[in-house]
C-alpha atoms as a PDB file:
ATOM      1  CA  UNK A   1     135.782 114.113  69.734  1.00  0.00           C
ATOM      2  CA  UNK A   2     134.855 110.506  70.445  1.00  0.00           C
ATOM      3  CA  UNK A   3     131.338 109.452  69.428  1.00  0.00           C
ATOM      4  CA  UNK A   4     129.948 107.324  72.243  1.00  0.00           C
ATOM      5  CA  UNK A   5     126.165 107.320  71.705  1.00  0.00           C
ATOM      6  CA  UNK A   6     124.355 105.041  69.241  1.00  0.00           C
ATOM      7  CA  UNK A   7     127.498 103.704  67.627  1.00  0.00           C
ATOM      8  CA  UNK A   8     126.449 102.446  64.197  1.00  0.00           C
ATOM      9  CA  UNK A   9     128.562  99.301  64.580  1.00  0.00           C
ATOM     10  CA  UNK A  10     126.165  98.228  67.349  1.00  0.00           C
ATOM     11  CA  UNK A  11     123.012  98.789  65.300  1.00  0.00           C
ATOM     12  CA  UNK A  12     122.216  95.098  64.768  1.00  0.00           C
ATOM     13  CA  UNK A  13     122.820  94.276  68.448  1.00  0.00           C
ATOM     14  CA  UNK A  14     120.496  97.092  69.556  1.00  0.00           C
ATOM     15  CA  UNK A  15     117.872  96.035  67.024  1.00  0.00           C
ATOM     16  CA  UNK A  16     118.017  92.418  68.203  1.00  0.00           C
ATOM     17  CA  UNK A  17     117.600  93.493  71.836  1.00  0.00           C
ATOM     18  CA  UNK A  18     114.662  95.773  70.938  1.00  0.00           C
ATOM     19  CA  UNK A  19     112.981  92.948  69.024  1.00  0.00           C
ATOM     20  CA  UNK A  20     113.502  90.435  71.849  1.00  0.00           C
ATOM     21  CA  UNK A  21     112.842  92.271  75.110  1.00  0.00           C
ATOM     22  CA  UNK A  22     112.515  90.514  78.430  1.00  0.00           C
ATOM     23  CA  UNK A  23     109.025  90.487  79.966  1.00  0.00           C
ATOM     24  CA  UNK A  24     110.207  93.002  82.566  1.00  0.00           C
ATOM     25  CA  UNK A  25     111.510  95.361  79.877  1.00  0.00           C
ATOM     26  CA  UNK A  26     108.095  95.194  78.183  1.00  0.00           C
ATOM     27  CA  UNK A  27     106.363  96.036  81.462  1.00  0.00           C
ATOM     28  CA  UNK A  28     108.631  98.979  82.288  1.00  0.00           C
ATOM     29  CA  UNK A  29     108.650 100.299  78.720  1.00  0.00           C
ATOM     30  CA  UNK A  30     104.863 100.793  78.938  1.00  0.00           C
ATOM     31  CA  UNK A  31     105.527 103.461  81.569  1.00  0.00           C
ATOM     32  CA  UNK A  32     108.684 105.007  80.114  1.00  0.00           C
ATOM     33  CA  UNK A  33     107.640 105.402  76.476  1.00  0.00           C
ATOM     34  CA  UNK A  34     105.929 108.509  75.120  1.00  0.00           C
ATOM     35  CA  UNK A  35     107.372 110.615  77.947  1.00  0.00           C
ATOM     36  CA  UNK A  36     104.844 109.185  80.421  1.00  0.00           C
ATOM     37  CA  UNK A  37     107.132 110.204  83.306  1.00  0.00           C
ATOM     38  CA  UNK A  38     107.770 113.643  81.830  1.00  0.00           C
ATOM     39  CA  UNK A  39     110.986 112.806  79.980  1.00  0.00           C
ATOM     40  CA  UNK A  40     111.853 110.965  76.790  1.00  0.00           C
ATOM     41  CA  UNK A  41     113.436 107.536  77.167  1.00  0.00           C
ATOM     42  CA  UNK A  42     115.174 105.430  74.531  1.00  0.00           C
ATOM     43  CA  UNK A  43     115.331 101.666  74.858  1.00  0.00           C
ATOM     44  CA  UNK A  44     118.375  99.587  73.983  1.00  0.00           C
ATOM     45  CA  UNK A  45     120.646 102.579  73.495  1.00  0.00           C
ATOM     46  CA  UNK A  46     124.387 102.159  73.091  1.00  0.00           C
ATOM     47  CA  UNK A  47     126.825 104.220  75.106  1.00  0.00           C
ATOM     48  CA  UNK A  48     130.433 103.436  74.327  1.00  0.00           C
ATOM     49  CA  UNK A  49     130.882  99.661  74.131  1.00  0.00           C
ATOM     50  CA  UNK A  50     127.683  98.916  76.084  1.00  0.00           C
ATOM     51  CA  UNK A  51     123.971  98.709  75.319  1.00  0.00           C
ATOM     52  CA  UNK A  52     121.731  99.950  78.126  1.00  0.00           C
ATOM     53  CA  UNK A  53     118.123  98.896  78.641  1.00  0.00           C
ATOM     54  CA  UNK A  54     116.675 102.417  78.925  1.00  0.00           C
ATOM     55  CA  UNK A  55     118.251 105.859  78.587  1.00  0.00           C
ATOM     56  CA  UNK A  56     116.908 109.344  79.302  1.00  0.00           C
ATOM     57  CA  UNK A  57     119.175 111.786  77.436  1.00  0.00           C
ATOM     58  CA  UNK A  58     117.795 114.920  79.134  1.00  0.00           C
ATOM     59  CA  UNK A  59     118.781 113.607  82.565  1.00  0.00           C
ATOM     60  CA  UNK A  60     121.665 111.348  81.531  1.00  0.00           C
ATOM     61  CA  UNK A  61     119.832 108.557  83.339  1.00  0.00           C
ATOM     62  CA  UNK A  62     120.397 104.883  82.597  1.00  0.00           C
ATOM     63  CA  UNK A  63     117.973 102.236  83.827  1.00  0.00           C
ATOM     64  CA  UNK A  64     119.056  98.611  83.811  1.00  0.00           C
ATOM     65  CA  UNK A  65     116.789  95.627  84.488  1.00  0.00           C
ATOM     66  CA  UNK A  66     118.839  92.732  85.831  1.00  0.00           C
ATOM     67  CA  UNK A  67     117.894  89.066  85.752  1.00  0.00           C
ATOM     68  CA  UNK A  68     119.581  85.940  87.037  1.00  0.00           C
ATOM     69  CA  UNK A  69     122.333  86.249  84.427  1.00  0.00           C
ATOM     70  CA  UNK A  70     123.679  89.177  86.469  1.00  0.00           C
ATOM     71  CA  UNK A  71     124.149  87.150  89.664  1.00  0.00           C
ATOM     72  CA  UNK A  72     127.615  85.978  88.635  1.00  0.00           C
ATOM     73  CA  UNK A  73     128.561  89.142  86.744  1.00  0.00           C
ATOM     74  CA  UNK A  74     128.963  91.695  89.524  1.00  0.00           C
ATOM     75  CA  UNK A  75     132.464  92.665  88.406  1.00  0.00           C
ATOM     76  CA  UNK A  76     131.279  93.239  84.810  1.00  0.00           C
ATOM     77  CA  UNK A  77     128.215  95.197  85.970  1.00  0.00           C
ATOM     78  CA  UNK A  78     130.380  97.305  88.296  1.00  0.00           C
ATOM     79  CA  UNK A  79     132.774  98.087  85.428  1.00  0.00           C
ATOM     80  CA  UNK A  80     129.815  99.181  83.263  1.00  0.00           C
ATOM     81  CA  UNK A  81     128.466 101.369  86.038  1.00  0.00           C
ATOM     82  CA  UNK A  82     131.901 102.922  86.650  1.00  0.00           C
ATOM     83  CA  UNK A  83     132.203 103.697  82.924  1.00  0.00           C
ATOM     84  CA  UNK A  84     128.798 105.395  82.870  1.00  0.00           C
ATOM     85  CA  UNK A  85     129.543 107.353  86.041  1.00  0.00           C
ATOM     86  CA  UNK A  86     132.825 108.500  84.494  1.00  0.00           C
ATOM     87  CA  UNK A  87     130.692 109.966  81.680  1.00  0.00           C
ATOM     88  CA  UNK A  88     128.502 111.721  84.281  1.00  0.00           C
ATOM     89  CA  UNK A  89     125.532 109.402  83.859  1.00  0.00           C
ATOM     90  CA  UNK A  90     123.321 108.181  86.684  1.00  0.00           C
ATOM     91  CA  UNK A  91     122.663 104.439  86.741  1.00  0.00           C
ATOM     92  CA  UNK A  92     119.632 102.798  88.338  1.00  0.00           C
ATOM     93  CA  UNK A  93     119.495  99.011  88.549  1.00  0.00           C
ATOM     94  CA  UNK A  94     116.411  96.966  89.306  1.00  0.00           C
ATOM     95  CA  UNK A  95     115.979  93.213  89.530  1.00  0.00           C
ATOM     96  CA  UNK A  96     113.376  91.478  87.383  1.00  0.00           C
ATOM     97  CA  UNK A  97     111.557  90.535  90.566  1.00  0.00           C
ATOM     98  CA  UNK A  98     111.265  94.206  91.571  1.00  0.00           C
ATOM     99  CA  UNK A  99     109.573  95.044  88.286  1.00  0.00           C
ATOM    100  CA  UNK A 100     107.278  92.032  88.666  1.00  0.00           C
ATOM    101  CA  UNK A 101     106.237  92.584  92.271  1.00  0.00           C
ATOM    102  CA  UNK A 102     107.005  96.210  93.165  1.00  0.00           C
ATOM    103  CA  UNK A 103     106.361  98.107  89.942  1.00  0.00           C
ATOM    104  CA  UNK A 104     104.845 101.141  91.651  1.00  0.00           C
ATOM    105  CA  UNK A 105     107.900 101.420  93.912  1.00  0.00           C
ATOM    106  CA  UNK A 106     110.238 101.122  90.907  1.00  0.00           C
ATOM    107  CA  UNK A 107     108.343 103.870  89.056  1.00  0.00           C
ATOM    108  CA  UNK A 108     108.368 106.106  92.129  1.00  0.00           C
ATOM    109  CA  UNK A 109     112.132 105.681  92.491  1.00  0.00           C
ATOM    110  CA  UNK A 110     112.650 106.548  88.817  1.00  0.00           C
ATOM    111  CA  UNK A 111     110.387 109.594  89.126  1.00  0.00           C
ATOM    112  CA  UNK A 112     112.300 110.781  92.200  1.00  0.00           C
ATOM    113  CA  UNK A 113     115.612 110.603  90.333  1.00  0.00           C
ATOM    114  CA  UNK A 114     114.107 112.392  87.327  1.00  0.00           C
ATOM    115  CA  UNK A 115     112.836 115.163  89.598  1.00  0.00           C
ATOM    116  CA  UNK A 116     116.128 115.747  91.444  1.00  0.00           C
ATOM    117  CA  UNK A 117     118.739 115.082  88.747  1.00  0.00           C
ATOM    118  CA  UNK A 118     119.942 118.290  87.072  1.00  0.00           C
ATOM    119  CA  UNK A 119     119.881 118.356  83.255  1.00  0.00           C
END
């Protein structure tokens, strides 16, 4: 069996990302931590060769917050998403601007997915 979650070789990378979150990750984490939406989330969790911003194991839900660095990386982001979908994970992507200006909408969309996604 291949171990794909929390690969120890990525520990330092995950730790660095947790210690240096983007402002939008800080904002969203306030609502995701402590099961505020009814499910446990982990931040900066590795799945295979990738580190995701937020992960809900019970629902196999990945939430990514994308900034300007993603504008020229569509092919890379699509490959990541395809990999996660292959592993039967759901991926939600939000732009920094959405978190900044439409936080309630972002949270409602996440809650909707949590409510309809089977375990």
